Amino acid sequence: MIVKRVGSSGQISLGKENAGRMVMVDQPEDGVWVIKLGEFVPDSERWLFERRVSEELDQAIRWAEANPPRDTDLDALDRGEAGS
């Protein structure tokens, strides 16, 4: 446990080793703060962390691991022959 004094500007230092890091500050009740270091996820990428999307990505990765890439016969593909 570390005791810090809040400065006249309302700030406390978390140490130079944390400079530039993102933190989440939660105040579950008056006088209680929970500070957690973390990474910021842009709103435009937050969908990647939804359970359904995560499960679909896991499924796609398993499929890709079980089905290595193979050469494609472009002429057969152009003729509409599936599976060639």
PDB file of N, CA and C in Angstrom:
ATOM      1  N   MET A   1       0.848  -1.173   0.000  1.00  0.00           N
ATOM      2  CA  MET A   1       0.000   0.000   0.000  1.00  0.00           C
ATOM      3  C   MET A   1       0.894   1.237   0.000  1.00  0.00           C
ATOM      4  N   ILE A   2       0.493   2.212  -0.786  1.00  0.00           N
ATOM      5  CA  ILE A   2       1.216   3.476  -0.871  1.00  0.00           C
ATOM      6  C   ILE A   2       0.258   4.600  -0.499  1.00  0.00           C
ATOM      7  N   VAL A   3       0.728   5.533   0.308  1.00  0.00           N
ATOM      8  CA  VAL A   3      -0.077   6.700   0.664  1.00  0.00           C
ATOM      9  C   VAL A   3       0.425   7.874  -0.162  1.00  0.00           C
ATOM     10  N   LYS A   4      -0.479   8.532  -0.864  1.00  0.00           N
ATOM     11  CA  LYS A   4      -0.148   9.687  -1.703  1.00  0.00           C
ATOM     12  C   LYS A   4      -0.981  10.875  -1.246  1.00  0.00           C
ATOM     13  N   ARG A   5      -0.456  12.073  -1.492  1.00  0.00           N
ATOM     14  CA  ARG A   5      -1.210  13.294  -1.202  1.00  0.00           C
ATOM     15  C   ARG A   5      -1.710  13.865  -2.529  1.00  0.00           C
ATOM     16  N   VAL A   6      -2.984  14.213  -2.561  1.00  0.00           N
ATOM     17  CA  VAL A   6      -3.556  14.857  -3.745  1.00  0.00           C
ATOM     18  C   VAL A   6      -3.051  16.296  -3.764  1.00  0.00           C
ATOM     19  N   GLY A   7      -2.434  16.684  -4.901  1.00  0.00           N
ATOM     20  CA  GLY A   7      -1.894  18.029  -5.027  1.00  0.00           C
ATOM     21  C   GLY A   7      -2.972  19.085  -5.146  1.00  0.00           C
ATOM     22  N   SER A   8      -2.564  20.343  -5.115  1.00  0.00           N
ATOM     23  CA  SER A   8      -3.517  21.462  -5.179  1.00  0.00           C
ATOM     24  C   SER A   8      -4.288  21.489  -6.495  1.00  0.00           C
ATOM     25  N   SER A   9      -3.750  20.845  -7.533  1.00  0.00           N
ATOM     26  CA  SER A   9      -4.457  20.783  -8.822  1.00  0.00           C
ATOM     27  C   SER A   9      -5.396  19.580  -8.905  1.00  0.00           C
ATOM     28  N   GLY A  10      -5.441  18.782  -7.831  1.00  0.00           N
ATOM     29  CA  GLY A  10      -6.330  17.622  -7.817  1.00  0.00           C
ATOM     30  C   GLY A  10      -5.702  16.376  -8.423  1.00  0.00           C
ATOM     31  N   GLN A  11      -4.388  16.374  -8.607  1.00  0.00           N
ATOM     32  CA  GLN A  11      -3.722  15.244  -9.245  1.00  0.00           C
ATOM     33  C   GLN A  11      -2.873  14.461  -8.262  1.00  0.00           C
ATOM     34  N   ILE A  12      -2.666  13.176  -8.580  1.00  0.00           N
ATOM     35  CA  ILE A  12      -1.690  12.354  -7.873  1.00  0.00           C
ATOM     36  C   ILE A  12      -0.787  11.727  -8.931  1.00  0.00           C
ATOM     37  N   SER A  13       0.422  11.369  -8.538  1.00  0.00           N
ATOM     38  CA  SER A  13       1.359  10.727  -9.460  1.00  0.00           C
ATOM     39  C   SER A  13       1.319   9.226  -9.236  1.00  0.00           C
ATOM     40  N   LEU A  14       1.301   8.486 -10.319  1.00  0.00           N
ATOM     41  CA  LEU A  14       1.352   7.028 -10.233  1.00  0.00           C
ATOM     42  C   LEU A  14       2.754   6.511 -10.539  1.00  0.00           C
ATOM     43  N   GLY A  15       3.714   7.426 -10.665  1.00  0.00           N
ATOM     44  CA  GLY A  15       5.096   7.035 -10.918  1.00  0.00           C
ATOM     45  C   GLY A  15       5.471   7.170 -12.379  1.00  0.00           C
ATOM     46  N   LYS A  16       6.738   7.506 -12.611  1.00  0.00           N
ATOM     47  CA  LYS A  16       7.207   7.701 -13.984  1.00  0.00           C
ATOM     48  C   LYS A  16       7.087   6.445 -14.822  1.00  0.00           C
ATOM     49  N   GLU A  17       7.173   5.272 -14.198  1.00  0.00           N
ATOM     50  CA  GLU A  17       7.061   4.020 -14.956  1.00  0.00           C
ATOM     51  C   GLU A  17       5.689   3.851 -15.598  1.00  0.00           C
ATOM     52  N   ASN A  18       4.697   4.628 -15.147  1.00  0.00           N
ATOM     53  CA  ASN A  18       3.354   4.561 -15.711  1.00  0.00           C
ATOM     54  C   ASN A  18       3.039   5.742 -16.621  1.00  0.00           C
ATOM     55  N   ALA A  19       4.021   6.585 -16.869  1.00  0.00           N
ATOM     56  CA  ALA A  19       3.806   7.765 -17.714  1.00  0.00           C
ATOM     57  C   ALA A  19       3.316   7.335 -19.099  1.00  0.00           C
ATOM     58  N   GLY A  20       2.261   7.964 -19.557  1.00  0.00           N
ATOM     59  CA  GLY A  20       1.712   7.687 -20.884  1.00  0.00           C
ATOM     60  C   GLY A  20       0.786   6.488 -20.946  1.00  0.00           C
ATOM     61  N   ARG A  21       0.681   5.731 -19.878  1.00  0.00           N
ATOM     62  CA  ARG A  21      -0.189   4.543 -19.879  1.00  0.00           C
ATOM     63  C   ARG A  21      -1.645   4.966 -19.693  1.00  0.00           C
ATOM     64  N   MET A  22      -2.543   4.147 -20.180  1.00  0.00           N
ATOM     65  CA  MET A  22      -3.972   4.373 -19.974  1.00  0.00           C
ATOM     66  C   MET A  22      -4.383   3.735 -18.654  1.00  0.00           C
ATOM     67  N   VAL A  23      -5.253   4.408 -17.921  1.00  0.00           N
ATOM     68  CA  VAL A  23      -5.784   3.857 -16.682  1.00  0.00           C
ATOM     69  C   VAL A  23      -7.299   3.990 -16.681  1.00  0.00           C
ATOM     70  N   MET A  24      -7.933   3.061 -15.994  1.00  0.00           N
ATOM     71  CA  MET A  24      -9.366   3.150 -15.770  1.00  0.00           C
ATOM     72  C   MET A  24      -9.539   3.503 -14.300  1.00  0.00           C
ATOM     73  N   VAL A  25     -10.316   4.531 -14.038  1.00  0.00           N
ATOM     74  CA  VAL A  25     -10.568   4.957 -12.663  1.00  0.00           C
ATOM     75  C   VAL A  25     -12.047   4.725 -12.376  1.00  0.00           C
ATOM     76  N   ASP A  26     -12.308   3.893 -11.392  1.00  0.00           N
ATOM     77  CA  ASP A  26     -13.677   3.594 -10.982  1.00  0.00           C
ATOM     78  C   ASP A  26     -13.872   4.148  -9.577  1.00  0.00           C
ATOM     79  N   GLN A  27     -15.041   4.706  -9.312  1.00  0.00           N
ATOM     80  CA  GLN A  27     -15.354   5.206  -7.979  1.00  0.00           C
ATOM     81  C   GLN A  27     -16.632   4.515  -7.521  1.00  0.00           C
ATOM     82  N   PRO A  28     -16.482   3.313  -6.917  1.00  0.00           N
ATOM     83  CA  PRO A  28     -17.673   2.559  -6.511  1.00  0.00           C
ATOM     84  C   PRO A  28     -18.476   3.228  -5.407  1.00  0.00           C
ATOM     85  N   GLU A  29     -17.822   4.088  -4.615  1.00  0.00           N
ATOM     86  CA  GLU A  29     -18.525   4.859  -3.578  1.00  0.00           C
ATOM     87  C   GLU A  29     -17.662   6.066  -3.236  1.00  0.00           C
ATOM     88  N   ASP A  30     -18.239   7.027  -2.553  1.00  0.00           N
ATOM     89  CA  ASP A  30     -17.488   8.221  -2.161  1.00  0.00           C
ATOM     90  C   ASP A  30     -16.240   7.839  -1.378  1.00  0.00           C
ATOM     91  N   GLY A  31     -15.098   8.398  -1.772  1.00  0.00           N
ATOM     92  CA  GLY A  31     -13.851   8.161  -1.060  1.00  0.00           C
ATOM     93  C   GLY A  31     -13.134   6.879  -1.434  1.00  0.00           C
ATOM     94  N   VAL A  32     -13.705   6.094  -2.347  1.00  0.00           N
ATOM     95  CA  VAL A  32     -13.076   4.836  -2.771  1.00  0.00           C
ATOM     96  C   VAL A  32     -12.835   4.897  -4.277  1.00  0.00           C
ATOM     97  N   TRP A  33     -11.579   4.773  -4.655  1.00  0.00           N
ATOM     98  CA  TRP A  33     -11.204   4.763  -6.069  1.00  0.00           C
ATOM     99  C   TRP A  33     -10.463   3.478  -6.372  1.00  0.00           C
ATOM    100  N   VAL A  34     -10.781   2.887  -7.488  1.00  0.00           N
ATOM    101  CA  VAL A  34     -10.068   1.699  -7.971  1.00  0.00           C
ATOM    102  C   VAL A  34      -9.424   2.103  -9.286  1.00  0.00           C
ATOM    103  N   ILE A  35      -8.097   2.010  -9.345  1.00  0.00           N
ATOM    104  CA  ILE A  35      -7.347   2.408 -10.535  1.00  0.00           C
ATOM    105  C   ILE A  35      -6.726   1.165 -11.145  1.00  0.00           C
ATOM    106  N   LYS A  36      -7.007   0.930 -12.431  1.00  0.00           N
ATOM    107  CA  LYS A  36      -6.464  -0.240 -13.126  1.00  0.00           C
ATOM    108  C   LYS A  36      -5.748   0.212 -14.398  1.00  0.00           C
ATOM    109  N   LEU A  37      -4.537  -0.298 -14.581  1.00  0.00           N
ATOM    110  CA  LEU A  37      -3.823  -0.065 -15.834  1.00  0.00           C
ATOM    111  C   LEU A  37      -4.450  -0.924 -16.911  1.00  0.00           C
ATOM    112  N   GLY A  38      -4.453  -0.440 -18.139  1.00  0.00           N
ATOM    113  CA  GLY A  38      -5.025  -1.224 -19.225  1.00  0.00           C
ATOM    114  C   GLY A  38      -4.706  -0.622 -20.575  1.00  0.00           C
ATOM    115  N   GLU A  39      -5.273  -1.224 -21.585  1.00  0.00           N
ATOM    116  CA  GLU A  39      -5.114  -0.754 -22.950  1.00  0.00           C
ATOM    117  C   GLU A  39      -6.450  -0.195 -23.420  1.00  0.00           C
ATOM    118  N   PHE A  40      -6.384   0.863 -24.176  1.00  0.00           N
ATOM    119  CA  PHE A  40      -7.594   1.487 -24.709  1.00  0.00           C
ATOM    120  C   PHE A  40      -8.029   0.757 -25.969  1.00  0.00           C
ATOM    121  N   VAL A  41      -9.308   0.448 -26.056  1.00  0.00           N
ATOM    122  CA  VAL A  41      -9.864  -0.169 -27.254  1.00  0.00           C
ATOM    123  C   VAL A  41     -10.736   0.880 -27.939  1.00  0.00           C
ATOM    124  N   PRO A  42     -10.360   1.288 -29.156  1.00  0.00           N
ATOM    125  CA  PRO A  42     -11.171   2.281 -29.868  1.00  0.00           C
ATOM    126  C   PRO A  42     -12.609   1.785 -30.068  1.00  0.00           C
ATOM    127  N   ASP A  43     -13.565   2.685 -30.014  1.00  0.00           N
ATOM    128  CA  ASP A  43     -14.969   2.313 -30.206  1.00  0.00           C
ATOM    129  C   ASP A  43     -15.178   1.536 -31.496  1.00  0.00           C
ATOM    130  N   SER A  44     -14.453   1.899 -32.548  1.00  0.00           N
ATOM    131  CA  SER A  44     -14.635   1.240 -33.846  1.00  0.00           C
ATOM    132  C   SER A  44     -14.134  -0.201 -33.846  1.00  0.00           C
ATOM    133  N   GLU A  45     -13.357  -0.606 -32.828  1.00  0.00           N
ATOM    134  CA  GLU A  45     -12.838  -1.977 -32.753  1.00  0.00           C
ATOM    135  C   GLU A  45     -13.445  -2.773 -31.593  1.00  0.00           C
ATOM    136  N   ARG A  46     -14.304  -2.147 -30.826  1.00  0.00           N
ATOM    137  CA  ARG A  46     -14.888  -2.803 -29.653  1.00  0.00           C
ATOM    138  C   ARG A  46     -15.709  -4.035 -30.037  1.00  0.00           C
ATOM    139  N   TRP A  47     -16.285  -4.052 -31.229  1.00  0.00           N
ATOM    140  CA  TRP A  47     -17.098  -5.186 -31.674  1.00  0.00           C
ATOM    141  C   TRP A  47     -16.291  -6.485 -31.713  1.00  0.00           C
ATOM    142  N   LEU A  48     -14.972  -6.370 -31.881  1.00  0.00           N
ATOM    143  CA  LEU A  48     -14.127  -7.566 -31.920  1.00  0.00           C
ATOM    144  C   LEU A  48     -14.114  -8.319 -30.599  1.00  0.00           C
ATOM    145  N   PHE A  49     -14.504  -7.666 -29.529  1.00  0.00           N
ATOM    146  CA  PHE A  49     -14.470  -8.270 -28.209  1.00  0.00           C
ATOM    147  C   PHE A  49     -15.839  -8.761 -27.751  1.00  0.00           C
ATOM    148  N   GLU A  50     -16.851  -8.669 -28.618  1.00  0.00           N
ATOM    149  CA  GLU A  50     -18.158  -9.213 -28.283  1.00  0.00           C
ATOM    150  C   GLU A  50     -18.074 -10.731 -28.294  1.00  0.00           C
ATOM    151  N   ARG A  51     -18.803 -11.361 -27.393  1.00  0.00           N
ATOM    152  CA  ARG A  51     -18.726 -12.826 -27.246  1.00  0.00           C
ATOM    153  C   ARG A  51     -18.981 -13.560 -28.556  1.00  0.00           C
ATOM    154  N   ARG A  52     -20.026 -13.176 -29.275  1.00  0.00           N
ATOM    155  CA  ARG A  52     -20.379 -13.862 -30.525  1.00  0.00           C
ATOM    156  C   ARG A  52     -19.250 -13.749 -31.540  1.00  0.00           C
ATOM    157  N   VAL A  53     -18.702 -12.565 -31.677  1.00  0.00           N
ATOM    158  CA  VAL A  53     -17.617 -12.339 -32.626  1.00  0.00           C
ATOM    159  C   VAL A  53     -16.382 -13.121 -32.215  1.00  0.00           C
ATOM    160  N   SER A  54     -16.072 -13.112 -30.927  1.00  0.00           N
ATOM    161  CA  SER A  54     -14.914 -13.848 -30.423  1.00  0.00           C
ATOM    162  C   SER A  54     -15.052 -15.338 -30.717  1.00  0.00           C
ATOM    163  N   GLU A  55     -16.237 -15.879 -30.520  1.00  0.00           N
ATOM    164  CA  GLU A  55     -16.476 -17.303 -30.804  1.00  0.00           C
ATOM    165  C   GLU A  55     -16.326 -17.595 -32.289  1.00  0.00           C
ATOM    166  N   GLU A  56     -16.849 -16.700 -33.140  1.00  0.00           N
ATOM    167  CA  GLU A  56     -16.721 -16.891 -34.585  1.00  0.00           C
ATOM    168  C   GLU A  56     -15.263 -16.817 -35.030  1.00  0.00           C
ATOM    169  N   LEU A  57     -14.507 -15.898 -34.441  1.00  0.00           N
ATOM    170  CA  LEU A  57     -13.087 -15.804 -34.770  1.00  0.00           C
ATOM    171  C   LEU A  57     -12.337 -17.055 -34.330  1.00  0.00           C
ATOM    172  N   ASP A  58     -12.648 -17.567 -33.136  1.00  0.00           N
ATOM    173  CA  ASP A  58     -12.022 -18.806 -32.670  1.00  0.00           C
ATOM    174  C   ASP A  58     -12.331 -19.962 -33.624  1.00  0.00           C
ATOM    175  N   GLN A  59     -13.586 -20.036 -34.079  1.00  0.00           N
ATOM    176  CA  GLN A  59     -13.994 -21.090 -35.013  1.00  0.00           C
ATOM    177  C   GLN A  59     -13.242 -20.946 -36.338  1.00  0.00           C
ATOM    178  N   ALA A  60     -13.107 -19.739 -36.830  1.00  0.00           N
ATOM    179  CA  ALA A  60     -12.396 -19.502 -38.089  1.00  0.00           C
ATOM    180  C   ALA A  60     -10.918 -19.862 -37.963  1.00  0.00           C
ATOM    181  N   ILE A  61     -10.328 -19.553 -36.822  1.00  0.00           N
ATOM    182  CA  ILE A  61      -8.913 -19.891 -36.605  1.00  0.00           C
ATOM    183  C   ILE A  61      -8.738 -21.408 -36.566  1.00  0.00           C
ATOM    184  N   ARG A  62      -9.646 -22.111 -35.875  1.00  0.00           N
ATOM    185  CA  ARG A  62      -9.562 -23.583 -35.837  1.00  0.00           C
ATOM    186  C   ARG A  62      -9.672 -24.155 -37.245  1.00  0.00           C
ATOM    187  N   TRP A  63     -10.603 -23.624 -38.053  1.00  0.00           N
ATOM    188  CA  TRP A  63     -10.778 -24.102 -39.425  1.00  0.00           C
ATOM    189  C   TRP A  63      -9.493 -23.859 -40.227  1.00  0.00           C
ATOM    190  N   ALA A  64      -8.919 -22.664 -40.105  1.00  0.00           N
ATOM    191  CA  ALA A  64      -7.711 -22.323 -40.866  1.00  0.00           C
ATOM    192  C   ALA A  64      -6.537 -23.216 -40.462  1.00  0.00           C
ATOM    193  N   GLU A  65      -6.455 -23.552 -39.178  1.00  0.00           N
ATOM    194  CA  GLU A  65      -5.375 -24.434 -38.723  1.00  0.00           C
ATOM    195  C   GLU A  65      -5.545 -25.854 -39.259  1.00  0.00           C
ATOM    196  N   ALA A  66      -6.799 -26.295 -39.420  1.00  0.00           N
ATOM    197  CA  ALA A  66      -7.081 -27.648 -39.914  1.00  0.00           C
ATOM    198  C   ALA A  66      -7.094 -27.724 -41.434  1.00  0.00           C
ATOM    199  N   ASN A  67      -7.132 -26.586 -42.109  1.00  0.00           N
ATOM    200  CA  ASN A  67      -7.208 -26.541 -43.573  1.00  0.00           C
ATOM    201  C   ASN A  67      -6.124 -25.625 -44.115  1.00  0.00           C
ATOM    202  N   PRO A  68      -4.904 -26.161 -44.243  1.00  0.00           N
ATOM    203  CA  PRO A  68      -3.809 -25.310 -44.719  1.00  0.00           C
ATOM    204  C   PRO A  68      -4.076 -24.801 -46.142  1.00  0.00           C
ATOM    205  N   PRO A  69      -3.466 -23.686 -46.496  1.00  0.00           N
ATOM    206  CA  PRO A  69      -3.664 -23.144 -47.842  1.00  0.00           C
ATOM    207  C   PRO A  69      -3.192 -24.132 -48.903  1.00  0.00           C
ATOM    208  N   ARG A  70      -3.842 -24.084 -50.059  1.00  0.00           N
ATOM    209  CA  ARG A  70      -3.413 -24.919 -51.190  1.00  0.00           C
ATOM    210  C   ARG A  70      -3.556 -24.111 -52.464  1.00  0.00           C
ATOM    211  N   ASP A  71      -2.838 -24.534 -53.471  1.00  0.00           N
ATOM    212  CA  ASP A  71      -2.890 -23.837 -54.753  1.00  0.00           C
ATOM    213  C   ASP A  71      -4.291 -23.919 -55.335  1.00  0.00           C
ATOM    214  N   THR A  72      -4.696 -22.868 -55.995  1.00  0.00           N
ATOM    215  CA  THR A  72      -5.992 -22.814 -56.650  1.00  0.00           C
ATOM    216  C   THR A  72      -5.794 -22.910 -58.153  1.00  0.00           C
ATOM    217  N   ASP A  73      -6.584 -23.776 -58.793  1.00  0.00           N
ATOM    218  CA  ASP A  73      -6.584 -23.880 -60.253  1.00  0.00           C
ATOM    219  C   ASP A  73      -7.500 -22.765 -60.767  1.00  0.00           C
ATOM    220  N   LEU A  74      -6.907 -21.642 -61.164  1.00  0.00           N
ATOM    221  CA  LEU A  74      -7.695 -20.473 -61.567  1.00  0.00           C
ATOM    222  C   LEU A  74      -8.537 -20.744 -62.806  1.00  0.00           C
ATOM    223  N   ASP A  75      -8.046 -21.599 -63.705  1.00  0.00           N
ATOM    224  CA  ASP A  75      -8.841 -21.922 -64.897  1.00  0.00           C
ATOM    225  C   ASP A  75     -10.109 -22.677 -64.508  1.00  0.00           C
ATOM    226  N   ALA A  76      -9.980 -23.648 -63.593  1.00  0.00           N
ATOM    227  CA  ALA A  76     -11.146 -24.391 -63.134  1.00  0.00           C
ATOM    228  C   ALA A  76     -12.104 -23.469 -62.384  1.00  0.00           C
ATOM    229  N   LEU A  77     -11.557 -22.562 -61.608  1.00  0.00           N
ATOM    230  CA  LEU A  77     -12.379 -21.605 -60.880  1.00  0.00           C
ATOM    231  C   LEU A  77     -13.143 -20.714 -61.850  1.00  0.00           C
ATOM    232  N   ASP A  78     -12.480 -20.285 -62.896  1.00  0.00           N
ATOM    233  CA  ASP A  78     -13.109 -19.432 -63.920  1.00  0.00           C
ATOM    234  C   ASP A  78     -14.238 -20.181 -64.634  1.00  0.00           C
ATOM    235  N   ARG A  79     -14.063 -21.511 -64.796  1.00  0.00           N
ATOM    236  CA  ARG A  79     -15.112 -22.329 -65.448  1.00  0.00           C
ATOM    237  C   ARG A  79     -16.232 -22.668 -64.477  1.00  0.00           C
ATOM    238  N   GLY A  80     -16.101 -22.299 -63.200  1.00  0.00           N
ATOM    239  CA  GLY A  80     -17.154 -22.555 -62.217  1.00  0.00           C
ATOM    240  C   GLY A  80     -17.116 -23.949 -61.645  1.00  0.00           C
ATOM    241  N   GLU A  81     -15.978 -24.632 -61.784  1.00  0.00           N
ATOM    242  CA  GLU A  81     -15.859 -25.993 -61.247  1.00  0.00           C
ATOM    243  C   GLU A  81     -15.458 -25.882 -59.771  1.00  0.00           C
ATOM    244  N   ALA A  82     -16.372 -26.283 -58.909  1.00  0.00           N
ATOM    245  CA  ALA A  82     -16.112 -26.208 -57.473  1.00  0.00           C
ATOM    246  C   ALA A  82     -15.187 -27.331 -57.032  1.00  0.00           C
ATOM    247  N   GLY A  83     -14.375 -27.044 -56.046  1.00  0.00           N
ATOM    248  CA  GLY A  83     -13.529 -28.071 -55.441  1.00  0.00           C
ATOM    249  C   GLY A  83     -12.313 -28.445 -56.253  1.00  0.00           C
ATOM    250  N   SER A  84     -12.003 -27.739 -57.294  1.00  0.00           N
ATOM    251  CA  SER A  84     -10.848 -28.084 -58.123  1.00  0.00           C
ATOM    252  C   SER A  84      -9.614 -27.381 -57.645  1.00  0.00           C
TER     253      SER A  84
END
